[in-house]
Amino acid sequence: MSEEFENMTVAQLKEILKERGLPVSGTKKSLIERLMENNEVQDEADEVEFQEDSVETTEEDLDEEEDFDESYEDYDDEEWEDEEFDFHVAKQKPELEESIKDALSLRNSQSKSKPSFRRSEWFRYKRLSRSGWRRPKGMDNSQRKNLKYRGSKVRVGYGKVSEARGLHPSGFKEILVYNILDLEEINPAIEAARVGSTVGGRKREQIHLKADELGIRILNRRRGV
């Protein structure tokens, strides 16, 4: 059975896992191990059911079964056939070292105490409130003088942990892709893809299919694609 799974692609393995209601995250090796464990659990359950069926049923058990069948005679099976059950699908997780995991958790705790850097005079003009940070200029600029009521300035002391710098909150290193050839250079264990904003719908769908086959996570994946 393991040889059959090894000959399958990652996309085929994920389809089998979805049918069984299992998570589809991880590398191809972890997907195969998950399927093998599920097969062992099913085999044990089948053995238990076979042993229970082999035991002779008493008259009381037969009466209970008849009452159960009569209570569900008017049940319509088509209602269950028309329903679609959505299972939670876990996303791929990166394979990180302990030092990087500690750095990510420390960066997360630092972000909670980080101030919101606003542009000088952002409260006075609407167009400035929508813009990003700009260095305050002018001899009498209150924010340049670092007066408390004008908000914080961007400084070196607000920098995050260097080991986690540039990483996605999930721990992946983001790689910008524009076609399926860019996916071949990605290491799915530590890197994830982000599709460029200029990529069209047809090419984006091709990138998603290729990423599923290679087991690569797409960070900006759209719904229904």
N, C-alpha and C. Protein backbone atom coordinates (compact mmCIF):
# COMPACT_ATOMS: atom_id res chain seq x y z
N MET A 1 0.83 -1.21 0.00
CA MET A 1 0.00 0.00 0.00
C MET A 1 0.86 1.26 0.00
N SER A 2 1.99 1.23 0.73
CA SER A 2 2.86 2.42 0.76
C SER A 2 3.44 2.71 -0.60
N GLU A 3 3.72 1.67 -1.40
CA GLU A 3 4.26 1.89 -2.74
C GLU A 3 3.24 2.60 -3.63
N GLU A 4 1.96 2.26 -3.47
CA GLU A 4 0.93 2.94 -4.25
C GLU A 4 0.87 4.42 -3.92
N PHE A 5 0.99 4.76 -2.63
CA PHE A 5 0.96 6.16 -2.22
C PHE A 5 2.18 6.91 -2.74
N GLU A 6 3.34 6.26 -2.75
CA GLU A 6 4.56 6.92 -3.22
C GLU A 6 4.49 7.23 -4.71
N ASN A 7 3.77 6.42 -5.47
CA ASN A 7 3.65 6.66 -6.90
C ASN A 7 2.66 7.78 -7.22
N MET A 8 1.85 8.19 -6.24
CA MET A 8 0.87 9.26 -6.45
C MET A 8 1.53 10.62 -6.30
N THR A 9 0.88 11.63 -6.87
CA THR A 9 1.33 13.02 -6.70
C THR A 9 0.77 13.58 -5.40
N VAL A 10 1.28 14.74 -5.02
CA VAL A 10 0.81 15.38 -3.78
C VAL A 10 -0.66 15.77 -3.89
N ALA A 11 -1.07 16.21 -5.09
CA ALA A 11 -2.47 16.59 -5.27
C ALA A 11 -3.39 15.40 -5.11
N GLN A 12 -2.99 14.23 -5.64
CA GLN A 12 -3.81 13.02 -5.50
C GLN A 12 -3.90 12.58 -4.03
N LEU A 13 -2.78 12.67 -3.32
CA LEU A 13 -2.80 12.30 -1.91
C LEU A 13 -3.71 13.22 -1.10
N LYS A 14 -3.71 14.52 -1.45
CA LYS A 14 -4.56 15.46 -0.73
C LYS A 14 -6.04 15.19 -0.99
N GLU A 15 -6.37 14.76 -2.21
CA GLU A 15 -7.77 14.43 -2.50
C GLU A 15 -8.24 13.27 -1.64
N ILE A 16 -7.37 12.25 -1.46
CA ILE A 16 -7.74 11.10 -0.63
C ILE A 16 -7.91 11.54 0.82
N LEU A 17 -7.02 12.42 1.29
CA LEU A 17 -7.12 12.90 2.66
C LEU A 17 -8.39 13.71 2.88
N LYS A 18 -8.77 14.53 1.88
CA LYS A 18 -9.99 15.32 2.00
C LYS A 18 -11.21 14.41 2.07
N GLU A 19 -11.24 13.33 1.26
CA GLU A 19 -12.36 12.39 1.29
C GLU A 19 -12.50 11.72 2.66
N ARG A 20 -11.37 11.49 3.33
CA ARG A 20 -11.40 10.85 4.64
C ARG A 20 -11.53 11.86 5.78
N GLY A 21 -11.57 13.16 5.44
CA GLY A 21 -11.70 14.19 6.46
C GLY A 21 -10.46 14.40 7.29
N LEU A 22 -9.29 14.20 6.67
CA LEU A 22 -8.02 14.35 7.38
C LEU A 22 -7.31 15.62 6.92
N PRO A 23 -6.39 16.16 7.74
CA PRO A 23 -5.64 17.36 7.33
C PRO A 23 -4.76 17.08 6.11
N VAL A 24 -4.53 18.10 5.31
CA VAL A 24 -3.75 17.95 4.08
C VAL A 24 -2.45 18.75 4.14
N SER A 25 -1.99 19.11 5.34
CA SER A 25 -0.78 19.91 5.46
C SER A 25 0.45 19.00 5.52
N GLY A 26 1.59 19.60 5.19
CA GLY A 26 2.85 18.89 5.31
C GLY A 26 3.42 18.45 3.98
N THR A 27 4.57 17.79 4.05
CA THR A 27 5.25 17.31 2.86
C THR A 27 4.62 15.99 2.40
N LYS A 28 5.12 15.48 1.26
CA LYS A 28 4.57 14.24 0.71
C LYS A 28 4.80 13.07 1.66
N LYS A 29 5.96 13.07 2.34
CA LYS A 29 6.26 11.99 3.27
C LYS A 29 5.26 11.96 4.43
N SER A 30 4.96 13.15 4.97
CA SER A 30 4.00 13.21 6.08
C SER A 30 2.59 12.84 5.64
N LEU A 31 2.22 13.18 4.39
CA LEU A 31 0.90 12.81 3.88
C LEU A 31 0.76 11.29 3.79
N ILE A 32 1.83 10.64 3.30
CA ILE A 32 1.80 9.18 3.17
C ILE A 32 1.70 8.53 4.55
N GLU A 33 2.47 9.03 5.52
CA GLU A 33 2.41 8.47 6.88
C GLU A 33 1.01 8.63 7.48
N ARG A 34 0.36 9.77 7.20
CA ARG A 34 -0.99 10.02 7.72
C ARG A 34 -1.99 9.03 7.13
N LEU A 35 -1.84 8.73 5.83
CA LEU A 35 -2.73 7.77 5.19
C LEU A 35 -2.49 6.36 5.72
N MET A 36 -1.22 6.00 5.94
CA MET A 36 -0.92 4.67 6.46
C MET A 36 -1.49 4.50 7.86
N GLU A 37 -1.37 5.52 8.71
CA GLU A 37 -1.95 5.44 10.06
C GLU A 37 -3.46 5.31 10.00
N ASN A 38 -4.08 6.04 9.08
CA ASN A 38 -5.54 5.95 8.94
C ASN A 38 -5.96 4.56 8.48
N ASN A 39 -5.18 3.94 7.59
CA ASN A 39 -5.50 2.58 7.13
C ASN A 39 -5.41 1.58 8.28
N GLU A 40 -4.41 1.77 9.15
CA GLU A 40 -4.28 0.87 10.29
C GLU A 40 -5.46 1.01 11.24
N VAL A 41 -5.90 2.24 11.47
CA VAL A 41 -7.05 2.46 12.35
C VAL A 41 -8.31 1.84 11.76
N GLN A 42 -8.50 1.97 10.44
CA GLN A 42 -9.67 1.38 9.80
C GLN A 42 -9.64 -0.14 9.86
N ASP A 43 -8.44 -0.72 9.69
CA ASP A 43 -8.33 -2.19 9.79
C ASP A 43 -8.70 -2.69 11.18
N GLU A 44 -8.24 -1.97 12.21
CA GLU A 44 -8.58 -2.38 13.58
C GLU A 44 -10.08 -2.25 13.83
N ALA A 45 -10.69 -1.18 13.29
CA ALA A 45 -12.13 -1.00 13.46
C ALA A 45 -12.91 -2.11 12.75
N ASP A 46 -12.43 -2.51 11.57
CA ASP A 46 -13.11 -3.59 10.83
C ASP A 46 -13.02 -4.90 11.59
N GLU A 47 -11.87 -5.16 12.23
CA GLU A 47 -11.75 -6.39 13.01
C GLU A 47 -12.70 -6.41 14.19
N VAL A 48 -12.83 -5.24 14.85
CA VAL A 48 -13.75 -5.17 15.99
C VAL A 48 -15.18 -5.39 15.54
N GLU A 49 -15.57 -4.78 14.42
CA GLU A 49 -16.93 -4.97 13.91
C GLU A 49 -17.17 -6.43 13.52
N PHE A 50 -16.16 -7.09 12.95
CA PHE A 50 -16.33 -8.49 12.56
C PHE A 50 -16.52 -9.37 13.78
N GLN A 51 -15.76 -9.07 14.85
CA GLN A 51 -15.92 -9.86 16.08
C GLN A 51 -17.29 -9.64 16.71
N GLU A 52 -17.78 -8.40 16.66
CA GLU A 52 -19.10 -8.13 17.24
C GLU A 52 -20.21 -8.79 16.43
N ASP A 53 -20.06 -8.82 15.12
CA ASP A 53 -21.08 -9.45 14.28
C ASP A 53 -21.10 -10.96 14.44
N SER A 54 -19.95 -11.54 14.78
CA SER A 54 -19.88 -12.99 14.93
C SER A 54 -20.59 -13.48 16.19
N VAL A 55 -20.80 -12.59 17.16
CA VAL A 55 -21.48 -12.97 18.40
C VAL A 55 -22.98 -13.16 18.12
N GLU A 56 -23.57 -14.22 18.65
CA GLU A 56 -24.98 -14.48 18.43
C GLU A 56 -25.83 -13.42 19.12
N THR A 57 -26.80 -12.91 18.41
CA THR A 57 -27.70 -11.90 18.97
C THR A 57 -28.83 -12.57 19.73
N THR A 58 -29.24 -11.94 20.81
CA THR A 58 -30.33 -12.46 21.62
C THR A 58 -31.66 -11.93 21.10
N GLU A 59 -32.76 -12.45 21.66
CA GLU A 59 -34.08 -12.00 21.24
C GLU A 59 -34.30 -10.53 21.60
N GLU A 60 -33.73 -10.06 22.74
CA GLU A 60 -33.89 -8.66 23.12
C GLU A 60 -33.20 -7.74 22.11
N ASP A 61 -32.04 -8.17 21.64
CA ASP A 61 -31.33 -7.36 20.65
C ASP A 61 -32.12 -7.28 19.36
N LEU A 62 -32.76 -8.38 18.95
CA LEU A 62 -33.55 -8.37 17.73
C LEU A 62 -34.74 -7.44 17.86
N ASP A 63 -35.37 -7.43 19.05
CA ASP A 63 -36.51 -6.53 19.27
C ASP A 63 -36.07 -5.07 19.20
N GLU A 64 -34.89 -4.79 19.77
CA GLU A 64 -34.39 -3.41 19.71
C GLU A 64 -34.11 -2.99 18.28
N GLU A 65 -33.57 -3.90 17.47
CA GLU A 65 -33.28 -3.57 16.08
C GLU A 65 -34.56 -3.32 15.30
N GLU A 66 -35.62 -4.11 15.59
CA GLU A 66 -36.89 -3.90 14.89
C GLU A 66 -37.48 -2.54 15.24
N ASP A 67 -37.41 -2.17 16.54
CA ASP A 67 -37.93 -0.86 16.95
C ASP A 67 -37.14 0.27 16.29
N PHE A 68 -35.83 0.06 16.17
CA PHE A 68 -35.00 1.10 15.55
C PHE A 68 -35.35 1.27 14.08
N ASP A 69 -35.58 0.17 13.36
CA ASP A 69 -35.93 0.24 11.94
C ASP A 69 -37.28 0.90 11.74
N GLU A 70 -38.25 0.59 12.62
CA GLU A 70 -39.57 1.17 12.47
C GLU A 70 -39.57 2.67 12.71
N SER A 71 -38.70 3.14 13.63
CA SER A 71 -38.68 4.57 13.93
C SER A 71 -38.09 5.38 12.79
N TYR A 72 -37.34 4.75 11.88
CA TYR A 72 -36.70 5.46 10.78
C TYR A 72 -37.23 5.02 9.42
N GLU A 73 -38.42 4.46 9.36
CA GLU A 73 -38.99 4.04 8.08
C GLU A 73 -39.31 5.22 7.18
N ASP A 74 -39.77 6.33 7.77
CA ASP A 74 -40.19 7.48 6.97
C ASP A 74 -39.04 8.43 6.67
N TYR A 75 -37.81 8.05 6.96
CA TYR A 75 -36.68 8.95 6.75
C TYR A 75 -36.31 8.99 5.28
N ASP A 76 -36.03 10.18 4.77
CA ASP A 76 -35.68 10.38 3.37
C ASP A 76 -34.17 10.44 3.23
N ASP A 77 -33.54 9.47 2.56
CA ASP A 77 -32.10 9.44 2.41
C ASP A 77 -31.59 10.49 1.45
N GLU A 78 -32.45 11.01 0.57
CA GLU A 78 -31.99 11.99 -0.40
C GLU A 78 -31.56 13.29 0.26
N GLU A 79 -32.09 13.58 1.46
CA GLU A 79 -31.69 14.80 2.15
C GLU A 79 -30.21 14.77 2.50
N TRP A 80 -29.70 13.59 2.88
CA TRP A 80 -28.29 13.48 3.20
C TRP A 80 -27.43 13.51 1.95
N GLU A 81 -27.93 12.97 0.84
CA GLU A 81 -27.15 12.94 -0.39
C GLU A 81 -26.96 14.34 -0.95
N ASP A 82 -27.94 15.23 -0.74
CA ASP A 82 -27.85 16.57 -1.29
C ASP A 82 -26.97 17.48 -0.47
N GLU A 83 -26.69 17.13 0.79
CA GLU A 83 -25.91 17.99 1.66
C GLU A 83 -24.42 17.82 1.36
N GLU A 84 -23.69 18.91 1.47
CA GLU A 84 -22.24 18.89 1.30
C GLU A 84 -21.60 19.27 2.64
N PHE A 85 -20.70 18.42 3.09
CA PHE A 85 -20.05 18.65 4.37
C PHE A 85 -18.67 19.24 4.11
N ASP A 86 -18.40 20.41 4.71
CA ASP A 86 -17.11 21.09 4.56
C ASP A 86 -16.24 20.75 5.76
N PHE A 87 -15.09 20.14 5.50
CA PHE A 87 -14.15 19.80 6.55
C PHE A 87 -13.08 20.87 6.65
N HIS A 88 -12.56 21.07 7.86
CA HIS A 88 -11.49 22.04 8.05
C HIS A 88 -10.21 21.48 7.45
N VAL A 89 -9.55 22.25 6.61
CA VAL A 89 -8.33 21.83 5.97
C VAL A 89 -7.18 22.66 6.54
N ALA A 90 -6.26 22.00 7.21
CA ALA A 90 -5.13 22.70 7.80
C ALA A 90 -4.14 23.11 6.72
N LYS A 91 -3.51 24.28 6.90
CA LYS A 91 -2.53 24.76 5.93
C LYS A 91 -1.16 24.20 6.26
N GLN A 92 -0.29 24.22 5.25
CA GLN A 92 1.05 23.72 5.46
C GLN A 92 1.78 24.56 6.49
N LYS A 93 2.54 23.88 7.34
CA LYS A 93 3.34 24.54 8.35
C LYS A 93 4.83 24.37 8.00
N PRO A 94 5.64 25.39 8.27
CA PRO A 94 7.07 25.30 7.93
C PRO A 94 7.82 24.42 8.93
N GLU A 95 8.93 23.88 8.46
CA GLU A 95 9.81 23.10 9.31
C GLU A 95 10.91 24.03 9.82
N LEU A 96 10.71 24.54 11.03
CA LEU A 96 11.59 25.57 11.58
C LEU A 96 12.44 25.03 12.71
N GLU A 97 13.59 25.67 12.89
CA GLU A 97 14.45 25.35 14.02
C GLU A 97 13.89 26.01 15.29
N GLU A 98 14.33 25.50 16.42
CA GLU A 98 13.82 26.03 17.68
C GLU A 98 14.19 27.49 17.88
N SER A 99 15.36 27.89 17.39
CA SER A 99 15.79 29.28 17.55
C SER A 99 14.88 30.23 16.77
N ILE A 100 14.47 29.81 15.57
CA ILE A 100 13.59 30.66 14.77
C ILE A 100 12.19 30.70 15.38
N LYS A 101 11.73 29.59 15.94
CA LYS A 101 10.43 29.58 16.60
C LYS A 101 10.42 30.54 17.79
N ASP A 102 11.51 30.54 18.56
CA ASP A 102 11.60 31.46 19.69
C ASP A 102 11.64 32.91 19.21
N ALA A 103 12.33 33.14 18.08
CA ALA A 103 12.41 34.50 17.54
C ALA A 103 11.04 34.99 17.07
N LEU A 104 10.25 34.09 16.46
CA LEU A 104 8.91 34.46 16.00
C LEU A 104 7.98 34.79 17.16
N SER A 105 8.06 33.99 18.22
CA SER A 105 7.22 34.25 19.38
C SER A 105 7.62 35.56 20.06
N LEU A 106 8.94 35.84 20.10
CA LEU A 106 9.40 37.09 20.69
C LEU A 106 8.97 38.28 19.83
N ARG A 107 9.03 38.13 18.51
CA ARG A 107 8.59 39.21 17.62
C ARG A 107 7.10 39.48 17.78
N ASN A 108 6.32 38.43 17.99
CA ASN A 108 4.88 38.59 18.18
C ASN A 108 4.59 39.36 19.47
N SER A 109 5.32 39.05 20.53
CA SER A 109 5.11 39.77 21.79
C SER A 109 5.56 41.23 21.68
N GLN A 110 6.60 41.48 20.90
CA GLN A 110 7.06 42.85 20.71
C GLN A 110 6.06 43.68 19.91
N SER A 111 5.39 43.04 18.97
CA SER A 111 4.44 43.77 18.13
C SER A 111 3.27 44.33 18.93
N LYS A 112 2.93 43.69 20.04
CA LYS A 112 1.81 44.16 20.85
C LYS A 112 2.11 45.50 21.52
N SER A 113 3.37 45.75 21.82
CA SER A 113 3.75 47.01 22.46
C SER A 113 4.29 48.04 21.48
N LYS A 114 4.28 47.72 20.20
CA LYS A 114 4.80 48.65 19.19
C LYS A 114 3.77 49.74 18.91
N PRO A 115 4.17 51.01 18.91
CA PRO A 115 3.21 52.09 18.63
C PRO A 115 2.87 52.16 17.15
N SER A 116 1.78 52.84 16.84
CA SER A 116 1.40 53.04 15.44
C SER A 116 2.04 54.33 14.95
N PHE A 117 2.95 54.19 14.00
CA PHE A 117 3.69 55.35 13.49
C PHE A 117 2.82 56.08 12.47
N ARG A 118 2.46 57.31 12.79
CA ARG A 118 1.62 58.13 11.92
C ARG A 118 2.41 59.31 11.39
N ARG A 119 2.03 59.75 10.21
CA ARG A 119 2.70 60.87 9.58
C ARG A 119 2.39 62.18 10.33
N SER A 120 3.33 63.09 10.26
CA SER A 120 3.14 64.38 10.93
C SER A 120 1.91 65.11 10.38
N GLU A 121 1.10 65.65 11.29
CA GLU A 121 -0.13 66.37 10.95
C GLU A 121 -1.16 65.47 10.26
N TRP A 122 -1.14 64.16 10.58
CA TRP A 122 -2.06 63.23 9.94
C TRP A 122 -3.51 63.51 10.33
N PHE A 123 -3.74 64.06 11.50
CA PHE A 123 -5.10 64.32 11.98
C PHE A 123 -5.69 65.60 11.37
N ARG A 124 -4.85 66.40 10.70
CA ARG A 124 -5.32 67.67 10.17
C ARG A 124 -5.87 67.54 8.76
N TYR A 125 -5.29 66.61 7.96
CA TYR A 125 -5.68 66.46 6.56
C TYR A 125 -5.99 64.99 6.28
N LYS A 126 -7.09 64.77 5.58
CA LYS A 126 -7.53 63.40 5.32
C LYS A 126 -6.52 62.65 4.45
N ARG A 127 -5.95 63.32 3.48
CA ARG A 127 -5.01 62.64 2.59
C ARG A 127 -3.75 62.19 3.33
N LEU A 128 -3.38 62.89 4.37
CA LEU A 128 -2.22 62.49 5.15
C LEU A 128 -2.55 61.31 6.06
N SER A 129 -3.80 61.20 6.50
CA SER A 129 -4.18 60.09 7.37
C SER A 129 -4.16 58.76 6.63
N ARG A 130 -4.30 58.81 5.29
CA ARG A 130 -4.29 57.58 4.49
C ARG A 130 -2.89 57.20 4.02
N SER A 131 -1.93 58.08 4.18
CA SER A 131 -0.57 57.82 3.72
C SER A 131 0.24 57.14 4.82
N GLY A 132 1.40 56.62 4.45
CA GLY A 132 2.25 55.95 5.41
C GLY A 132 3.18 56.90 6.14
N TRP A 133 4.16 56.31 6.79
CA TRP A 133 5.08 57.09 7.60
C TRP A 133 5.99 57.95 6.73
N ARG A 134 6.24 59.18 7.16
CA ARG A 134 7.21 60.08 6.54
C ARG A 134 8.03 60.75 7.64
N ARG A 135 9.29 60.92 7.37
CA ARG A 135 10.16 61.56 8.37
C ARG A 135 9.74 63.01 8.56
N PRO A 136 9.50 63.43 9.81
CA PRO A 136 9.10 64.83 10.04
C PRO A 136 10.24 65.80 9.74
N LYS A 137 9.90 66.90 9.11
CA LYS A 137 10.89 67.92 8.76
C LYS A 137 10.46 69.27 9.35
N GLY A 138 11.36 70.21 9.33
CA GLY A 138 11.05 71.55 9.84
C GLY A 138 11.66 71.80 11.19
N MET A 139 12.14 73.01 11.38
CA MET A 139 12.82 73.37 12.62
C MET A 139 11.88 73.31 13.82
N ASP A 140 10.62 73.72 13.63
CA ASP A 140 9.67 73.78 14.73
C ASP A 140 8.68 72.62 14.73
N ASN A 141 8.96 71.58 13.98
CA ASN A 141 8.05 70.43 13.91
C ASN A 141 8.00 69.73 15.27
N SER A 142 6.79 69.60 15.82
CA SER A 142 6.65 69.01 17.16
C SER A 142 7.01 67.53 17.17
N GLN A 143 6.67 66.83 16.11
CA GLN A 143 7.00 65.40 16.08
C GLN A 143 8.52 65.21 15.93
N ARG A 144 9.18 66.09 15.19
CA ARG A 144 10.63 65.98 15.07
C ARG A 144 11.30 66.21 16.42
N LYS A 145 10.71 67.08 17.23
CA LYS A 145 11.25 67.33 18.57
C LYS A 145 10.89 66.21 19.55
N ASN A 146 10.09 65.25 19.08
CA ASN A 146 9.71 64.08 19.89
C ASN A 146 8.85 64.46 21.08
N LEU A 147 7.93 65.42 20.88
CA LEU A 147 6.97 65.76 21.92
C LEU A 147 5.93 64.65 22.02
N LYS A 148 5.55 64.30 23.22
CA LYS A 148 4.73 63.12 23.44
C LYS A 148 3.37 63.20 22.77
N TYR A 149 2.76 64.36 22.73
CA TYR A 149 1.41 64.46 22.20
C TYR A 149 1.36 64.40 20.67
N ARG A 150 2.52 64.29 20.00
CA ARG A 150 2.55 64.22 18.54
C ARG A 150 2.83 62.81 18.02
N GLY A 151 2.92 61.85 18.84
CA GLY A 151 3.14 60.48 18.38
C GLY A 151 4.61 60.11 18.32
N SER A 152 4.86 58.81 18.21
CA SER A 152 6.23 58.29 18.23
C SER A 152 6.90 58.42 16.87
N LYS A 153 8.20 58.49 16.89
CA LYS A 153 9.01 58.52 15.68
C LYS A 153 9.61 57.14 15.42
N VAL A 154 9.85 56.85 14.17
CA VAL A 154 10.50 55.58 13.82
C VAL A 154 11.96 55.65 14.24
N ARG A 155 12.38 54.70 15.06
CA ARG A 155 13.75 54.68 15.56
C ARG A 155 14.29 53.26 15.53
N VAL A 156 15.60 53.18 15.72
CA VAL A 156 16.26 51.88 15.69
C VAL A 156 15.78 50.98 16.82
N GLY A 157 15.44 51.56 17.94
CA GLY A 157 15.05 50.76 19.10
C GLY A 157 13.77 49.98 18.91
N TYR A 158 12.95 50.34 17.90
CA TYR A 158 11.71 49.61 17.64
C TYR A 158 11.92 48.42 16.71
N GLY A 159 13.14 48.16 16.30
CA GLY A 159 13.41 47.04 15.39
C GLY A 159 13.11 45.70 16.04
N LYS A 160 12.75 44.72 15.21
CA LYS A 160 12.40 43.39 15.70
C LYS A 160 13.63 42.47 15.72
N VAL A 161 13.41 41.23 16.10
CA VAL A 161 14.48 40.24 16.19
C VAL A 161 15.03 39.98 14.80
N SER A 162 16.34 40.00 14.67
CA SER A 162 16.96 39.87 13.35
C SER A 162 16.72 38.50 12.73
N GLU A 163 16.64 37.44 13.53
CA GLU A 163 16.46 36.09 12.99
C GLU A 163 15.08 35.93 12.35
N ALA A 164 14.08 36.67 12.85
CA ALA A 164 12.72 36.56 12.31
C ALA A 164 12.39 37.68 11.34
N ARG A 165 13.35 38.52 11.02
CA ARG A 165 13.08 39.65 10.15
C ARG A 165 12.78 39.19 8.73
N GLY A 166 11.69 39.68 8.17
CA GLY A 166 11.30 39.34 6.80
C GLY A 166 10.49 38.07 6.68
N LEU A 167 10.24 37.36 7.76
CA LEU A 167 9.47 36.12 7.70
C LEU A 167 7.98 36.41 7.83
N HIS A 168 7.18 35.57 7.17
CA HIS A 168 5.72 35.65 7.30
C HIS A 168 5.33 35.25 8.72
N PRO A 169 4.20 35.73 9.25
CA PRO A 169 3.79 35.33 10.61
C PRO A 169 3.70 33.82 10.80
N SER A 170 3.44 33.07 9.74
CA SER A 170 3.41 31.61 9.85
C SER A 170 4.80 31.01 9.98
N GLY A 171 5.85 31.77 9.66
CA GLY A 171 7.22 31.27 9.73
C GLY A 171 7.85 31.03 8.38
N PHE A 172 7.07 31.11 7.30
CA PHE A 172 7.61 30.89 5.96
C PHE A 172 8.38 32.12 5.47
N LYS A 173 9.34 31.86 4.61
CA LYS A 173 9.99 32.93 3.87
C LYS A 173 9.23 33.14 2.57
N GLU A 174 8.79 34.36 2.31
CA GLU A 174 7.95 34.64 1.16
C GLU A 174 8.79 34.73 -0.12
N ILE A 175 8.29 34.05 -1.17
CA ILE A 175 8.92 34.10 -2.48
C ILE A 175 7.88 34.58 -3.47
N LEU A 176 8.17 35.67 -4.17
CA LEU A 176 7.23 36.23 -5.14
C LEU A 176 7.33 35.46 -6.45
N VAL A 177 6.19 34.97 -6.95
CA VAL A 177 6.16 34.17 -8.17
C VAL A 177 5.23 34.82 -9.19
N TYR A 178 5.56 34.62 -10.47
CA TYR A 178 4.76 35.16 -11.56
C TYR A 178 4.37 34.08 -12.57
N ASN A 179 4.97 32.88 -12.47
CA ASN A 179 4.63 31.78 -13.37
C ASN A 179 4.99 30.47 -12.67
N ILE A 180 4.64 29.37 -13.32
CA ILE A 180 4.86 28.05 -12.70
C ILE A 180 6.34 27.69 -12.63
N LEU A 181 7.18 28.31 -13.47
CA LEU A 181 8.61 28.02 -13.42
C LEU A 181 9.24 28.55 -12.13
N ASP A 182 8.69 29.62 -11.60
CA ASP A 182 9.22 30.16 -10.34
C ASP A 182 8.97 29.22 -9.17
N LEU A 183 7.95 28.36 -9.26
CA LEU A 183 7.64 27.45 -8.17
C LEU A 183 8.69 26.35 -8.01
N GLU A 184 9.36 26.02 -9.09
CA GLU A 184 10.34 24.93 -9.04
C GLU A 184 11.56 25.28 -8.20
N GLU A 185 11.79 26.56 -7.96
CA GLU A 185 12.94 26.99 -7.17
C GLU A 185 12.60 27.15 -5.69
N ILE A 186 11.37 26.84 -5.30
CA ILE A 186 10.93 27.03 -3.92
C ILE A 186 11.12 25.74 -3.13
N ASN A 187 11.61 25.88 -1.91
CA ASN A 187 11.71 24.76 -0.97
C ASN A 187 10.45 24.76 -0.10
N PRO A 188 9.52 23.81 -0.30
CA PRO A 188 8.24 23.86 0.43
C PRO A 188 8.37 23.70 1.94
N ALA A 189 9.52 23.27 2.42
CA ALA A 189 9.69 23.07 3.87
C ALA A 189 9.84 24.40 4.61
N ILE A 190 10.47 25.40 3.97
CA ILE A 190 10.73 26.66 4.67
C ILE A 190 10.27 27.88 3.89
N GLU A 191 9.84 27.70 2.64
CA GLU A 191 9.46 28.82 1.80
C GLU A 191 8.02 28.67 1.31
N ALA A 192 7.35 29.79 1.11
CA ALA A 192 5.98 29.81 0.60
C ALA A 192 5.90 30.83 -0.53
N ALA A 193 4.92 30.63 -1.41
CA ALA A 193 4.79 31.48 -2.60
C ALA A 193 3.76 32.57 -2.36
N ARG A 194 4.03 33.72 -2.95
CA ARG A 194 3.08 34.83 -3.00
C ARG A 194 2.95 35.25 -4.45
N VAL A 195 1.75 35.07 -5.01
CA VAL A 195 1.52 35.35 -6.43
C VAL A 195 1.52 36.87 -6.63
N GLY A 196 2.20 37.32 -7.71
CA GLY A 196 2.29 38.74 -8.00
C GLY A 196 0.93 39.34 -8.32
N SER A 197 0.77 40.61 -8.00
CA SER A 197 -0.52 41.27 -8.20
C SER A 197 -0.87 41.45 -9.67
N THR A 198 0.12 41.41 -10.56
CA THR A 198 -0.14 41.61 -11.98
C THR A 198 -0.47 40.32 -12.72
N VAL A 199 -0.47 39.18 -12.01
CA VAL A 199 -0.76 37.89 -12.64
C VAL A 199 -2.26 37.77 -12.90
N GLY A 200 -2.63 37.34 -14.12
CA GLY A 200 -4.03 37.19 -14.48
C GLY A 200 -4.67 35.96 -13.87
N GLY A 201 -5.99 35.85 -14.06
CA GLY A 201 -6.74 34.75 -13.45
C GLY A 201 -6.36 33.40 -14.00
N ARG A 202 -6.17 33.28 -15.31
CA ARG A 202 -5.85 31.99 -15.90
C ARG A 202 -4.48 31.49 -15.45
N LYS A 203 -3.49 32.36 -15.49
CA LYS A 203 -2.16 31.96 -15.05
C LYS A 203 -2.13 31.71 -13.54
N ARG A 204 -2.91 32.46 -12.79
CA ARG A 204 -2.98 32.23 -11.34
C ARG A 204 -3.52 30.84 -11.02
N GLU A 205 -4.53 30.42 -11.77
CA GLU A 205 -5.07 29.08 -11.56
C GLU A 205 -4.04 28.01 -11.87
N GLN A 206 -3.24 28.20 -12.92
CA GLN A 206 -2.17 27.26 -13.24
C GLN A 206 -1.13 27.21 -12.12
N ILE A 207 -0.83 28.36 -11.55
CA ILE A 207 0.14 28.39 -10.45
C ILE A 207 -0.41 27.65 -9.24
N HIS A 208 -1.71 27.80 -8.96
CA HIS A 208 -2.30 27.11 -7.82
C HIS A 208 -2.27 25.60 -8.00
N LEU A 209 -2.57 25.13 -9.20
CA LEU A 209 -2.56 23.69 -9.45
C LEU A 209 -1.15 23.12 -9.33
N LYS A 210 -0.17 23.84 -9.87
CA LYS A 210 1.22 23.38 -9.78
C LYS A 210 1.70 23.40 -8.34
N ALA A 211 1.29 24.40 -7.57
CA ALA A 211 1.69 24.49 -6.16
C ALA A 211 1.10 23.33 -5.36
N ASP A 212 -0.14 22.95 -5.65
CA ASP A 212 -0.74 21.81 -4.96
C ASP A 212 0.01 20.53 -5.29
N GLU A 213 0.47 20.42 -6.51
CA GLU A 213 1.20 19.21 -6.92
C GLU A 213 2.55 19.13 -6.22
N LEU A 214 3.20 20.27 -6.03
CA LEU A 214 4.51 20.30 -5.39
C LEU A 214 4.42 20.43 -3.87
N GLY A 215 3.22 20.64 -3.33
CA GLY A 215 3.07 20.77 -1.89
C GLY A 215 3.54 22.11 -1.36
N ILE A 216 3.37 23.17 -2.16
CA ILE A 216 3.81 24.51 -1.78
C ILE A 216 2.62 25.33 -1.32
N ARG A 217 2.79 26.06 -0.24
CA ARG A 217 1.71 26.90 0.28
C ARG A 217 1.71 28.25 -0.43
N ILE A 218 0.52 28.73 -0.81
CA ILE A 218 0.36 30.04 -1.41
C ILE A 218 -0.26 30.96 -0.35
N LEU A 219 0.44 32.04 -0.04
CA LEU A 219 0.02 32.92 1.05
C LEU A 219 -1.17 33.79 0.71
N ASN A 220 -1.29 34.19 -0.55
CA ASN A 220 -2.40 35.07 -0.96
C ASN A 220 -3.35 34.33 -1.90
N ARG A 221 -3.71 33.14 -1.52
CA ARG A 221 -4.61 32.33 -2.34
C ARG A 221 -6.02 32.87 -2.26
N ARG A 222 -6.66 32.95 -3.42
CA ARG A 222 -8.02 33.48 -3.47
C ARG A 222 -9.03 32.37 -3.25
N ARG A 223 -10.21 32.74 -2.78
CA ARG A 223 -11.28 31.77 -2.54
C ARG A 223 -11.79 31.20 -3.84
N GLY A 224 -12.02 29.87 -3.85
CA GLY A 224 -12.58 29.23 -5.03
C GLY A 224 -11.55 28.91 -6.09
N VAL A 225 -10.26 29.17 -5.83
CA VAL A 225 -9.21 28.88 -6.82
C VAL A 225 -8.20 27.94 -6.19
